[in-house]
Amino acid sequence: MDGTPPAAPDDRADRPDPATEVFLTHRNLLFTVAYEILGSAADAEDVLQETWLKWAGVDLGGVGNRRAYLVRITARQALMRLRSLSRRRESYVGPWLPEPLLTAPDVAEDVELADSVSMAMLLVLETLAPTERAVFVLREVFDLGYDDIARAVDKTPAAVRQIAHRARTRVAARRPHATVSAAEAERALDAFQRAVETGDLQGLLDVLSPDVVLLTDGGGLVRAALAPITGAEAVAAVLRGVTDARLRPAQVNGRLALLVRREGETEVDSVMAVRVAEGLVAGLYVVRNPEKLSRLEREVAVSRGA
């Protein structure tokens, strides 16, 4: 077998071998586990390849819970990669934002899944130490047992319980608490889009929260603010400079967002993801780094099931 994990089930009459079939059954789940630990789809795909290589050599007869076994392999590989990435992100130019994913509408219907892959939550997870992040994701999002998590992160079950408690406390202190209906979020995004497209300063001030925060990720490759911009007036002043652009709503990371294309261009120039609170845009996350925009032409399947 080569090192490339299968991408889709084989529709031919001859079924895949058992190892391949099990891997394909859980592939979307495994990608989601890796992505939530890493915040990078490119790195998550690499982790899936590493998982496949290890899984292909496993004796299936000795595996009781195949889902848990695969998740453990994936989490272990993702954690090792995250430790390396954490050092690289310290020298990242400007704010680092997760790689945005174009997701299917049904992802938004799974409230827990949509929340766990949202830009806002992934940024909260960035504040955790690598092991804390892996433990939190495996326990709180995917409901893996403490024994399985312990094997994935090389800790005792008792230590994992303590890490999980600490991670939950830290996430609870940082995560957005406001509950926003889909209709309320859509109204805010519509008003925001109109104001940006028309350069309407008052319209922007009306839809932006007074303490709104704008983060822009250019990765040092394109023009972007190198520090967070805070306050409605400062953010509105920046957004009024967004001219000759076409904005289109899309489901990104389980939430409504805007894809931005420059006039005459077909490639996505940037993604504007928003966090809405009390009917206003309270957080604005703009990804411009071209290396993070390759997965916006097709939907990426994320899942907590299988």
C-alpha atoms as a PDB file:
ATOM      1  CA  MET A   1       0.000   0.000   0.000  1.00  0.00           C
ATOM      2  CA  ASP A   2       1.319   3.507  -0.693  1.00  0.00           C
ATOM      3  CA  GLY A   3       1.251   6.257   1.898  1.00  0.00           C
ATOM      4  CA  THR A   4      -1.836   8.083   0.617  1.00  0.00           C
ATOM      5  CA  PRO A   5      -5.010   7.557   2.635  1.00  0.00           C
ATOM      6  CA  PRO A   6      -8.084   6.730   0.539  1.00  0.00           C
ATOM      7  CA  ALA A   7     -10.259   9.761  -0.186  1.00  0.00           C
ATOM      8  CA  ALA A   8     -13.603   8.135  -0.979  1.00  0.00           C
ATOM      9  CA  PRO A   9     -15.247   4.696  -0.919  1.00  0.00           C
ATOM     10  CA  ASP A  10     -14.741   2.461  -3.925  1.00  0.00           C
ATOM     11  CA  ASP A  11     -18.056   2.086  -5.742  1.00  0.00           C
ATOM     12  CA  ARG A  12     -16.900  -0.919  -7.711  1.00  0.00           C
ATOM     13  CA  ALA A  13     -18.386  -4.341  -7.068  1.00  0.00           C
ATOM     14  CA  ASP A  14     -15.289  -5.473  -5.179  1.00  0.00           C
ATOM     15  CA  ARG A  15     -15.359  -3.889  -1.744  1.00  0.00           C
ATOM     16  CA  PRO A  16     -12.244  -2.309  -0.185  1.00  0.00           C
ATOM     17  CA  ASP A  17     -10.186  -4.435   2.146  1.00  0.00           C
ATOM     18  CA  PRO A  18     -11.404  -4.348   5.791  1.00  0.00           C
ATOM     19  CA  ALA A  19      -8.740  -1.870   7.011  1.00  0.00           C
ATOM     20  CA  THR A  20      -9.547   0.551   4.192  1.00  0.00           C
ATOM     21  CA  GLU A  21     -13.284   0.216   4.743  1.00  0.00           C
ATOM     22  CA  VAL A  22     -12.988   0.997   8.467  1.00  0.00           C
ATOM     23  CA  PHE A  23     -10.729   3.972   7.768  1.00  0.00           C
ATOM     24  CA  LEU A  24     -13.135   5.370   5.173  1.00  0.00           C
ATOM     25  CA  THR A  25     -16.063   4.974   7.564  1.00  0.00           C
ATOM     26  CA  HIS A  26     -14.346   7.194  10.123  1.00  0.00           C
ATOM     27  CA  ARG A  27     -12.366   9.494   7.832  1.00  0.00           C
ATOM     28  CA  ASN A  28     -14.487  12.626   8.289  1.00  0.00           C
ATOM     29  CA  LEU A  29     -14.447  12.153  12.057  1.00  0.00           C
ATOM     30  CA  LEU A  30     -10.665  11.704  12.089  1.00  0.00           C
ATOM     31  CA  PHE A  31     -10.152  14.818   9.968  1.00  0.00           C
ATOM     32  CA  THR A  32     -12.320  16.814  12.372  1.00  0.00           C
ATOM     33  CA  VAL A  33     -10.369  15.548  15.394  1.00  0.00           C
ATOM     34  CA  ALA A  34      -7.060  16.544  13.787  1.00  0.00           C
ATOM     35  CA  TYR A  35      -8.390  19.901  12.574  1.00  0.00           C
ATOM     36  CA  GLU A  36      -9.759  20.888  15.979  1.00  0.00           C
ATOM     37  CA  ILE A  37      -6.472  20.021  17.645  1.00  0.00           C
ATOM     38  CA  LEU A  38      -4.394  21.823  15.005  1.00  0.00           C
ATOM     39  CA  GLY A  39      -6.566  24.591  13.520  1.00  0.00           C
ATOM     40  CA  SER A  40      -5.027  23.788  10.143  1.00  0.00           C
ATOM     41  CA  ALA A  41      -6.671  21.683   7.445  1.00  0.00           C
ATOM     42  CA  ALA A  42      -3.375  21.169   5.620  1.00  0.00           C
ATOM     43  CA  ASP A  43      -1.753  19.766   8.752  1.00  0.00           C
ATOM     44  CA  ALA A  44      -4.876  17.736   9.525  1.00  0.00           C
ATOM     45  CA  GLU A  45      -4.610  16.064   6.110  1.00  0.00           C
ATOM     46  CA  ASP A  46      -0.973  15.216   6.825  1.00  0.00           C
ATOM     47  CA  VAL A  47      -2.033  13.698  10.140  1.00  0.00           C
ATOM     48  CA  LEU A  48      -4.620  11.557   8.327  1.00  0.00           C
ATOM     49  CA  GLN A  49      -1.894  10.225   6.045  1.00  0.00           C
ATOM     50  CA  GLU A  50       0.239   9.354   9.072  1.00  0.00           C
ATOM     51  CA  THR A  51      -2.782   7.723  10.726  1.00  0.00           C
ATOM     52  CA  TRP A  52      -3.475   5.653   7.627  1.00  0.00           C
ATOM     53  CA  LEU A  53       0.106   4.400   7.496  1.00  0.00           C
ATOM     54  CA  LYS A  54      -0.100   3.216  11.096  1.00  0.00           C
ATOM     55  CA  TRP A  55      -3.616   1.820  10.737  1.00  0.00           C
ATOM     56  CA  ALA A  56      -2.742  -0.175   7.605  1.00  0.00           C
ATOM     57  CA  GLY A  57      -0.343  -2.296   9.634  1.00  0.00           C
ATOM     58  CA  VAL A  58      -2.722  -3.031  12.526  1.00  0.00           C
ATOM     59  CA  ASP A  59      -4.137  -6.511  13.143  1.00  0.00           C
ATOM     60  CA  LEU A  60      -7.874  -5.741  13.124  1.00  0.00           C
ATOM     61  CA  GLY A  61      -8.637  -8.918  15.018  1.00  0.00           C
ATOM     62  CA  GLY A  62      -6.981  -7.466  18.077  1.00  0.00           C
ATOM     63  CA  VAL A  63      -8.901  -4.166  17.979  1.00  0.00           C
ATOM     64  CA  GLY A  64     -12.125  -4.035  19.958  1.00  0.00           C
ATOM     65  CA  ASN A  65     -13.338  -0.444  19.485  1.00  0.00           C
ATOM     66  CA  ARG A  66     -12.029   0.546  16.071  1.00  0.00           C
ATOM     67  CA  ARG A  67     -13.382   4.090  16.244  1.00  0.00           C
ATOM     68  CA  ALA A  68     -11.616   4.772  19.524  1.00  0.00           C
ATOM     69  CA  TYR A  69      -8.424   3.134  18.264  1.00  0.00           C
ATOM     70  CA  LEU A  70      -8.335   5.315  15.138  1.00  0.00           C
ATOM     71  CA  VAL A  71      -9.138   8.454  17.116  1.00  0.00           C
ATOM     72  CA  ARG A  72      -6.273   7.635  19.489  1.00  0.00           C
ATOM     73  CA  ILE A  73      -3.816   7.275  16.610  1.00  0.00           C
ATOM     74  CA  THR A  74      -5.040  10.521  15.042  1.00  0.00           C
ATOM     75  CA  ALA A  75      -4.897  12.441  18.318  1.00  0.00           C
ATOM     76  CA  ARG A  76      -1.384  11.217  19.083  1.00  0.00           C
ATOM     77  CA  GLN A  77      -0.121  12.266  15.655  1.00  0.00           C
ATOM     78  CA  ALA A  78      -1.919  15.607  15.855  1.00  0.00           C
ATOM     79  CA  LEU A  79      -0.508  16.320  19.312  1.00  0.00           C
ATOM     80  CA  MET A  80       3.058  15.682  18.170  1.00  0.00           C
ATOM     81  CA  ARG A  81       2.531  17.998  15.207  1.00  0.00           C
ATOM     82  CA  LEU A  82       0.897  20.655  17.375  1.00  0.00           C
ATOM     83  CA  ARG A  83       3.935  20.802  19.659  1.00  0.00           C
ATOM     84  CA  SER A  84       6.092  21.548  16.631  1.00  0.00           C
ATOM     85  CA  LEU A  85       3.612  24.063  15.201  1.00  0.00           C
ATOM     86  CA  SER A  86       3.373  25.911  18.515  1.00  0.00           C
ATOM     87  CA  ARG A  87       7.032  26.835  18.239  1.00  0.00           C
ATOM     88  CA  ARG A  88       6.619  27.988  14.638  1.00  0.00           C
ATOM     89  CA  ARG A  89       3.563  30.115  15.452  1.00  0.00           C
ATOM     90  CA  GLU A  90       5.594  32.122  17.954  1.00  0.00           C
ATOM     91  CA  SER A  91       7.407  33.708  14.998  1.00  0.00           C
ATOM     92  CA  TYR A  92       4.284  34.099  12.818  1.00  0.00           C
ATOM     93  CA  VAL A  93       3.930  37.560  11.264  1.00  0.00           C
ATOM     94  CA  GLY A  94       0.872  39.278  12.755  1.00  0.00           C
ATOM     95  CA  PRO A  95      -2.161  37.534  14.288  1.00  0.00           C
ATOM     96  CA  TRP A  96      -2.507  33.816  13.567  1.00  0.00           C
ATOM     97  CA  LEU A  97      -6.008  32.645  12.617  1.00  0.00           C
ATOM     98  CA  PRO A  98      -7.228  29.104  11.900  1.00  0.00           C
ATOM     99  CA  GLU A  99      -7.439  27.918   8.318  1.00  0.00           C
ATOM    100  CA  PRO A 100     -11.073  28.517   7.268  1.00  0.00           C
ATOM    101  CA  LEU A 101     -13.187  25.659   5.934  1.00  0.00           C
ATOM    102  CA  LEU A 102     -16.194  25.875   3.641  1.00  0.00           C
ATOM    103  CA  THR A 103     -18.700  23.666   5.455  1.00  0.00           C
ATOM    104  CA  ALA A 104     -22.086  22.197   4.511  1.00  0.00           C
ATOM    105  CA  PRO A 105     -25.281  23.819   5.841  1.00  0.00           C
ATOM    106  CA  ASP A 106     -26.052  20.770   7.973  1.00  0.00           C
ATOM    107  CA  VAL A 107     -22.939  21.467  10.084  1.00  0.00           C
ATOM    108  CA  ALA A 108     -24.652  24.589  11.432  1.00  0.00           C
ATOM    109  CA  GLU A 109     -27.605  22.434  12.502  1.00  0.00           C
ATOM    110  CA  ASP A 110     -25.343  20.454  14.846  1.00  0.00           C
ATOM    111  CA  VAL A 111     -24.898  23.202  17.429  1.00  0.00           C
ATOM    112  CA  GLU A 112     -22.097  21.477  19.335  1.00  0.00           C
ATOM    113  CA  LEU A 113     -20.121  20.659  16.192  1.00  0.00           C
ATOM    114  CA  ALA A 114     -20.582  24.153  14.740  1.00  0.00           C
ATOM    115  CA  ASP A 115     -19.451  25.713  17.999  1.00  0.00           C
ATOM    116  CA  SER A 116     -16.395  23.459  18.251  1.00  0.00           C
ATOM    117  CA  VAL A 117     -15.095  24.316  14.747  1.00  0.00           C
ATOM    118  CA  SER A 118     -16.027  28.014  14.832  1.00  0.00           C
ATOM    119  CA  MET A 119     -13.253  30.575  14.473  1.00  0.00           C
ATOM    120  CA  ALA A 120     -14.030  31.968  17.899  1.00  0.00           C
ATOM    121  CA  MET A 121     -13.705  28.582  19.620  1.00  0.00           C
ATOM    122  CA  LEU A 122     -10.574  27.586  17.724  1.00  0.00           C
ATOM    123  CA  LEU A 123      -8.961  30.823  18.874  1.00  0.00           C
ATOM    124  CA  VAL A 124      -9.912  30.006  22.458  1.00  0.00           C
ATOM    125  CA  LEU A 125      -8.298  26.587  22.030  1.00  0.00           C
ATOM    126  CA  GLU A 126      -5.116  28.332  20.885  1.00  0.00           C
ATOM    127  CA  THR A 127      -4.709  29.632  24.447  1.00  0.00           C
ATOM    128  CA  LEU A 128      -4.371  26.095  25.819  1.00  0.00           C
ATOM    129  CA  ALA A 129      -1.159  24.116  26.096  1.00  0.00           C
ATOM    130  CA  PRO A 130      -0.932  21.348  23.445  1.00  0.00           C
ATOM    131  CA  THR A 131      -1.839  18.482  25.796  1.00  0.00           C
ATOM    132  CA  GLU A 132      -4.692  20.504  27.334  1.00  0.00           C
ATOM    133  CA  ARG A 133      -6.072  21.202  23.878  1.00  0.00           C
ATOM    134  CA  ALA A 134      -5.938  17.574  22.796  1.00  0.00           C
ATOM    135  CA  VAL A 135      -7.570  16.392  26.030  1.00  0.00           C
ATOM    136  CA  PHE A 136     -10.302  19.040  25.830  1.00  0.00           C
ATOM    137  CA  VAL A 137     -11.138  18.218  22.203  1.00  0.00           C
ATOM    138  CA  LEU A 138     -11.187  14.466  22.751  1.00  0.00           C
ATOM    139  CA  ARG A 139     -13.290  14.660  25.916  1.00  0.00           C
ATOM    140  CA  GLU A 140     -15.627  17.614  25.399  1.00  0.00           C
ATOM    141  CA  VAL A 141     -16.209  17.388  21.651  1.00  0.00           C
ATOM    142  CA  PHE A 142     -15.808  13.691  20.857  1.00  0.00           C
ATOM    143  CA  ASP A 143     -16.678  12.187  24.250  1.00  0.00           C
ATOM    144  CA  LEU A 144     -13.715   9.814  24.318  1.00  0.00           C
ATOM    145  CA  GLY A 145     -13.221   7.923  27.564  1.00  0.00           C
ATOM    146  CA  TYR A 146     -10.459   8.946  29.968  1.00  0.00           C
ATOM    147  CA  ASP A 147      -8.628   5.633  29.486  1.00  0.00           C
ATOM    148  CA  ASP A 148      -8.535   6.099  25.712  1.00  0.00           C
ATOM    149  CA  ILE A 149      -7.431   9.725  26.055  1.00  0.00           C
ATOM    150  CA  ALA A 150      -4.703   8.655  28.480  1.00  0.00           C
ATOM    151  CA  ARG A 151      -3.303   6.266  25.880  1.00  0.00           C
ATOM    152  CA  ALA A 152      -3.428   8.975  23.215  1.00  0.00           C
ATOM    153  CA  VAL A 153      -1.515  11.594  25.237  1.00  0.00           C
ATOM    154  CA  ASP A 154       0.757   9.295  27.283  1.00  0.00           C
ATOM    155  CA  LYS A 155      -0.723  10.244  30.649  1.00  0.00           C
ATOM    156  CA  THR A 156      -2.489   8.319  33.392  1.00  0.00           C
ATOM    157  CA  PRO A 157      -6.291   8.453  33.475  1.00  0.00           C
ATOM    158  CA  ALA A 158      -6.087  10.383  36.764  1.00  0.00           C
ATOM    159  CA  ALA A 159      -3.774  12.967  35.194  1.00  0.00           C
ATOM    160  CA  VAL A 160      -6.091  13.248  32.189  1.00  0.00           C
ATOM    161  CA  ARG A 161      -9.039  14.008  34.492  1.00  0.00           C
ATOM    162  CA  GLN A 162      -7.074  16.840  36.068  1.00  0.00           C
ATOM    163  CA  ILE A 163      -5.987  18.189  32.685  1.00  0.00           C
ATOM    164  CA  ALA A 164      -9.570  18.017  31.402  1.00  0.00           C
ATOM    165  CA  HIS A 165     -10.855  19.933  34.426  1.00  0.00           C
ATOM    166  CA  ARG A 166      -8.175  22.607  34.020  1.00  0.00           C
ATOM    167  CA  ALA A 167      -8.842  22.928  30.285  1.00  0.00           C
ATOM    168  CA  ARG A 168     -12.624  23.205  30.803  1.00  0.00           C
ATOM    169  CA  THR A 169     -12.080  25.976  33.341  1.00  0.00           C
ATOM    170  CA  ARG A 170      -9.806  27.922  31.017  1.00  0.00           C
ATOM    171  CA  VAL A 171     -12.093  27.528  28.024  1.00  0.00           C
ATOM    172  CA  ALA A 172     -15.158  28.566  30.059  1.00  0.00           C
ATOM    173  CA  ALA A 173     -13.370  31.741  31.112  1.00  0.00           C
ATOM    174  CA  ARG A 174     -12.534  32.717  27.538  1.00  0.00           C
ATOM    175  CA  ARG A 175     -15.271  31.380  25.282  1.00  0.00           C
ATOM    176  CA  PRO A 176     -18.102  33.674  24.124  1.00  0.00           C
ATOM    177  CA  HIS A 177     -21.154  33.113  26.325  1.00  0.00           C
ATOM    178  CA  ALA A 178     -23.822  34.876  24.286  1.00  0.00           C
ATOM    179  CA  THR A 179     -26.295  32.573  22.532  1.00  0.00           C
ATOM    180  CA  VAL A 180     -27.290  33.914  19.136  1.00  0.00           C
ATOM    181  CA  SER A 181     -30.067  32.551  16.937  1.00  0.00           C
ATOM    182  CA  ALA A 182     -29.387  31.813  13.283  1.00  0.00           C
ATOM    183  CA  ALA A 183     -31.858  34.543  12.285  1.00  0.00           C
ATOM    184  CA  GLU A 184     -30.138  37.126  14.488  1.00  0.00           C
ATOM    185  CA  ALA A 185     -26.712  36.236  13.113  1.00  0.00           C
ATOM    186  CA  GLU A 186     -28.018  36.441   9.539  1.00  0.00           C
ATOM    187  CA  ARG A 187     -29.550  39.885  10.115  1.00  0.00           C
ATOM    188  CA  ALA A 188     -26.301  41.202  11.568  1.00  0.00           C
ATOM    189  CA  LEU A 189     -24.263  39.760   8.709  1.00  0.00           C
ATOM    190  CA  ASP A 190     -26.645  41.215   6.103  1.00  0.00           C
ATOM    191  CA  ALA A 191     -26.389  44.679   7.650  1.00  0.00           C
ATOM    192  CA  PHE A 192     -22.624  44.345   7.921  1.00  0.00           C
ATOM    193  CA  GLN A 193     -22.298  43.267   4.281  1.00  0.00           C
ATOM    194  CA  ARG A 194     -24.415  46.172   3.017  1.00  0.00           C
ATOM    195  CA  ALA A 195     -22.408  48.676   5.032  1.00  0.00           C
ATOM    196  CA  VAL A 196     -19.054  47.329   3.832  1.00  0.00           C
ATOM    197  CA  GLU A 197     -20.104  47.166   0.174  1.00  0.00           C
ATOM    198  CA  THR A 198     -21.455  50.722   0.175  1.00  0.00           C
ATOM    199  CA  GLY A 199     -18.782  52.229   2.404  1.00  0.00           C
ATOM    200  CA  ASP A 200     -21.559  53.394   4.744  1.00  0.00           C
ATOM    201  CA  LEU A 201     -19.717  54.624   7.844  1.00  0.00           C
ATOM    202  CA  GLN A 202     -22.848  55.103   9.924  1.00  0.00           C
ATOM    203  CA  GLY A 203     -24.141  51.718   8.836  1.00  0.00           C
ATOM    204  CA  LEU A 204     -20.917  50.140  10.037  1.00  0.00           C
ATOM    205  CA  LEU A 205     -21.049  51.960  13.357  1.00  0.00           C
ATOM    206  CA  ASP A 206     -24.641  50.800  13.793  1.00  0.00           C
ATOM    207  CA  VAL A 207     -23.791  47.093  13.329  1.00  0.00           C
ATOM    208  CA  LEU A 208     -20.409  46.977  15.099  1.00  0.00           C
ATOM    209  CA  SER A 209     -20.235  46.456  18.845  1.00  0.00           C
ATOM    210  CA  PRO A 210     -18.510  49.379  20.607  1.00  0.00           C
ATOM    211  CA  ASP A 211     -15.716  47.040  21.739  1.00  0.00           C
ATOM    212  CA  VAL A 212     -15.495  44.978  18.521  1.00  0.00           C
ATOM    213  CA  VAL A 213     -12.121  43.350  17.827  1.00  0.00           C
ATOM    214  CA  LEU A 214     -10.732  42.895  14.307  1.00  0.00           C
ATOM    215  CA  LEU A 215      -8.005  40.302  13.690  1.00  0.00           C
ATOM    216  CA  THR A 216      -6.404  40.097  10.249  1.00  0.00           C
ATOM    217  CA  ASP A 217      -4.158  37.207   9.203  1.00  0.00           C
ATOM    218  CA  GLY A 218      -1.893  37.874   6.237  1.00  0.00           C
ATOM    219  CA  GLY A 219       0.939  35.636   7.367  1.00  0.00           C
ATOM    220  CA  GLY A 220       3.470  38.195   6.156  1.00  0.00           C
ATOM    221  CA  LEU A 221       2.504  37.351   2.570  1.00  0.00           C
ATOM    222  CA  VAL A 222      -0.157  40.000   1.896  1.00  0.00           C
ATOM    223  CA  ARG A 223      -1.120  43.287   3.444  1.00  0.00           C
ATOM    224  CA  ALA A 224      -2.756  42.892   6.848  1.00  0.00           C
ATOM    225  CA  ALA A 225      -2.832  44.597  10.236  1.00  0.00           C
ATOM    226  CA  LEU A 226      -0.022  43.297  12.431  1.00  0.00           C
ATOM    227  CA  ALA A 227      -1.957  43.791  15.668  1.00  0.00           C
ATOM    228  CA  PRO A 228      -5.613  43.545  16.736  1.00  0.00           C
ATOM    229  CA  ILE A 229      -7.757  46.594  15.991  1.00  0.00           C
ATOM    230  CA  THR A 230     -10.330  47.406  18.654  1.00  0.00           C
ATOM    231  CA  GLY A 231     -13.308  49.720  18.870  1.00  0.00           C
ATOM    232  CA  ALA A 232     -16.107  50.422  16.400  1.00  0.00           C
ATOM    233  CA  GLU A 233     -14.662  53.631  14.987  1.00  0.00           C
ATOM    234  CA  ALA A 234     -11.204  52.164  14.365  1.00  0.00           C
ATOM    235  CA  VAL A 235     -12.608  49.001  12.798  1.00  0.00           C
ATOM    236  CA  ALA A 236     -15.089  50.955  10.664  1.00  0.00           C
ATOM    237  CA  ALA A 237     -12.270  53.151   9.363  1.00  0.00           C
ATOM    238  CA  VAL A 238     -10.390  50.050   8.192  1.00  0.00           C
ATOM    239  CA  LEU A 239     -13.462  48.462   6.601  1.00  0.00           C
ATOM    240  CA  ARG A 240     -14.315  51.606   4.638  1.00  0.00           C
ATOM    241  CA  GLY A 241     -11.133  50.933   2.710  1.00  0.00           C
ATOM    242  CA  VAL A 242     -12.559  47.664   1.376  1.00  0.00           C
ATOM    243  CA  THR A 243     -13.500  48.888  -2.078  1.00  0.00           C
ATOM    244  CA  ASP A 244     -13.708  47.175  -5.494  1.00  0.00           C
ATOM    245  CA  ALA A 245     -14.684  43.949  -3.747  1.00  0.00           C
ATOM    246  CA  ARG A 246     -17.528  41.474  -4.082  1.00  0.00           C
ATOM    247  CA  LEU A 247     -18.813  39.884  -0.895  1.00  0.00           C
ATOM    248  CA  ARG A 248     -20.729  36.600  -0.865  1.00  0.00           C
ATOM    249  CA  PRO A 249     -22.235  34.885   2.189  1.00  0.00           C
ATOM    250  CA  ALA A 250     -21.072  31.324   2.810  1.00  0.00           C
ATOM    251  CA  GLN A 251     -20.987  28.742   5.562  1.00  0.00           C
ATOM    252  CA  VAL A 252     -17.463  28.834   6.979  1.00  0.00           C
ATOM    253  CA  ASN A 253     -16.549  26.702   9.983  1.00  0.00           C
ATOM    254  CA  GLY A 254     -20.215  26.101  10.712  1.00  0.00           C
ATOM    255  CA  ARG A 255     -21.103  29.798  10.796  1.00  0.00           C
ATOM    256  CA  LEU A 256     -22.207  32.396   8.257  1.00  0.00           C
ATOM    257  CA  ALA A 257     -19.255  34.380   6.901  1.00  0.00           C
ATOM    258  CA  LEU A 258     -18.335  36.436   3.860  1.00  0.00           C
ATOM    259  CA  LEU A 259     -16.058  35.392   1.007  1.00  0.00           C
ATOM    260  CA  VAL A 260     -14.338  38.417  -0.504  1.00  0.00           C
ATOM    261  CA  ARG A 261     -13.246  38.574  -4.140  1.00  0.00           C
ATOM    262  CA  ARG A 262     -11.735  41.584  -5.852  1.00  0.00           C
ATOM    263  CA  GLU A 263     -13.518  42.888  -8.927  1.00  0.00           C
ATOM    264  CA  GLY A 264     -12.478  40.918 -11.990  1.00  0.00           C
ATOM    265  CA  GLU A 265     -10.856  38.165  -9.902  1.00  0.00           C
ATOM    266  CA  THR A 266     -12.180  34.627  -9.435  1.00  0.00           C
ATOM    267  CA  GLU A 267      -9.932  33.609  -6.542  1.00  0.00           C
ATOM    268  CA  VAL A 268     -11.012  34.318  -2.979  1.00  0.00           C
ATOM    269  CA  ASP A 269      -9.042  37.283  -1.645  1.00  0.00           C
ATOM    270  CA  SER A 270     -10.059  36.863   1.982  1.00  0.00           C
ATOM    271  CA  VAL A 271     -12.598  35.397   4.357  1.00  0.00           C
ATOM    272  CA  MET A 272     -14.481  37.516   6.863  1.00  0.00           C
ATOM    273  CA  ALA A 273     -15.803  35.415   9.719  1.00  0.00           C
ATOM    274  CA  VAL A 274     -17.866  37.199  12.349  1.00  0.00           C
ATOM    275  CA  ARG A 275     -18.912  36.644  15.930  1.00  0.00           C
ATOM    276  CA  VAL A 276     -22.291  38.161  16.736  1.00  0.00           C
ATOM    277  CA  ALA A 277     -23.377  39.119  20.246  1.00  0.00           C
ATOM    278  CA  GLU A 278     -26.598  40.928  21.143  1.00  0.00           C
ATOM    279  CA  GLY A 279     -27.324  41.562  17.471  1.00  0.00           C
ATOM    280  CA  LEU A 280     -23.990  43.281  16.797  1.00  0.00           C
ATOM    281  CA  VAL A 281     -20.697  42.176  15.272  1.00  0.00           C
ATOM    282  CA  ALA A 282     -18.437  41.712  18.293  1.00  0.00           C
ATOM    283  CA  GLY A 283     -15.568  39.828  16.642  1.00  0.00           C
ATOM    284  CA  LEU A 284     -14.288  39.987  13.088  1.00  0.00           C
ATOM    285  CA  TYR A 285     -11.716  37.473  11.857  1.00  0.00           C
ATOM    286  CA  VAL A 286     -10.249  38.187   8.416  1.00  0.00           C
ATOM    287  CA  VAL A 287      -8.030  35.537   6.839  1.00  0.00           C
ATOM    288  CA  ARG A 288      -5.986  36.866   3.910  1.00  0.00           C
ATOM    289  CA  ASN A 289      -3.011  34.538   3.999  1.00  0.00           C
ATOM    290  CA  PRO A 290      -3.258  32.888   0.538  1.00  0.00           C
ATOM    291  CA  GLU A 291      -1.801  29.654   1.934  1.00  0.00           C
ATOM    292  CA  LYS A 292      -4.946  29.282   4.054  1.00  0.00           C
ATOM    293  CA  LEU A 293      -7.525  29.912   1.341  1.00  0.00           C
ATOM    294  CA  SER A 294      -7.222  26.793  -0.807  1.00  0.00           C
ATOM    295  CA  ARG A 295     -10.229  24.985   0.714  1.00  0.00           C
ATOM    296  CA  LEU A 296     -12.880  27.564  -0.087  1.00  0.00           C
ATOM    297  CA  GLU A 297     -13.906  26.267  -3.492  1.00  0.00           C
ATOM    298  CA  ARG A 298     -15.424  23.033  -2.176  1.00  0.00           C
ATOM    299  CA  GLU A 299     -17.115  21.913   1.015  1.00  0.00           C
ATOM    300  CA  VAL A 300     -14.999  20.071   3.566  1.00  0.00           C
ATOM    301  CA  ALA A 301     -16.807  17.336   5.495  1.00  0.00           C
ATOM    302  CA  VAL A 302     -16.531  17.612   9.279  1.00  0.00           C
ATOM    303  CA  SER A 303     -18.251  15.252  11.674  1.00  0.00           C
ATOM    304  CA  ARG A 304     -18.483  14.101  15.286  1.00  0.00           C
ATOM    305  CA  GLY A 305     -20.119  10.827  14.297  1.00  0.00           C
ATOM    306  CA  ALA A 306     -19.202   7.450  12.744  1.00  0.00           C
END
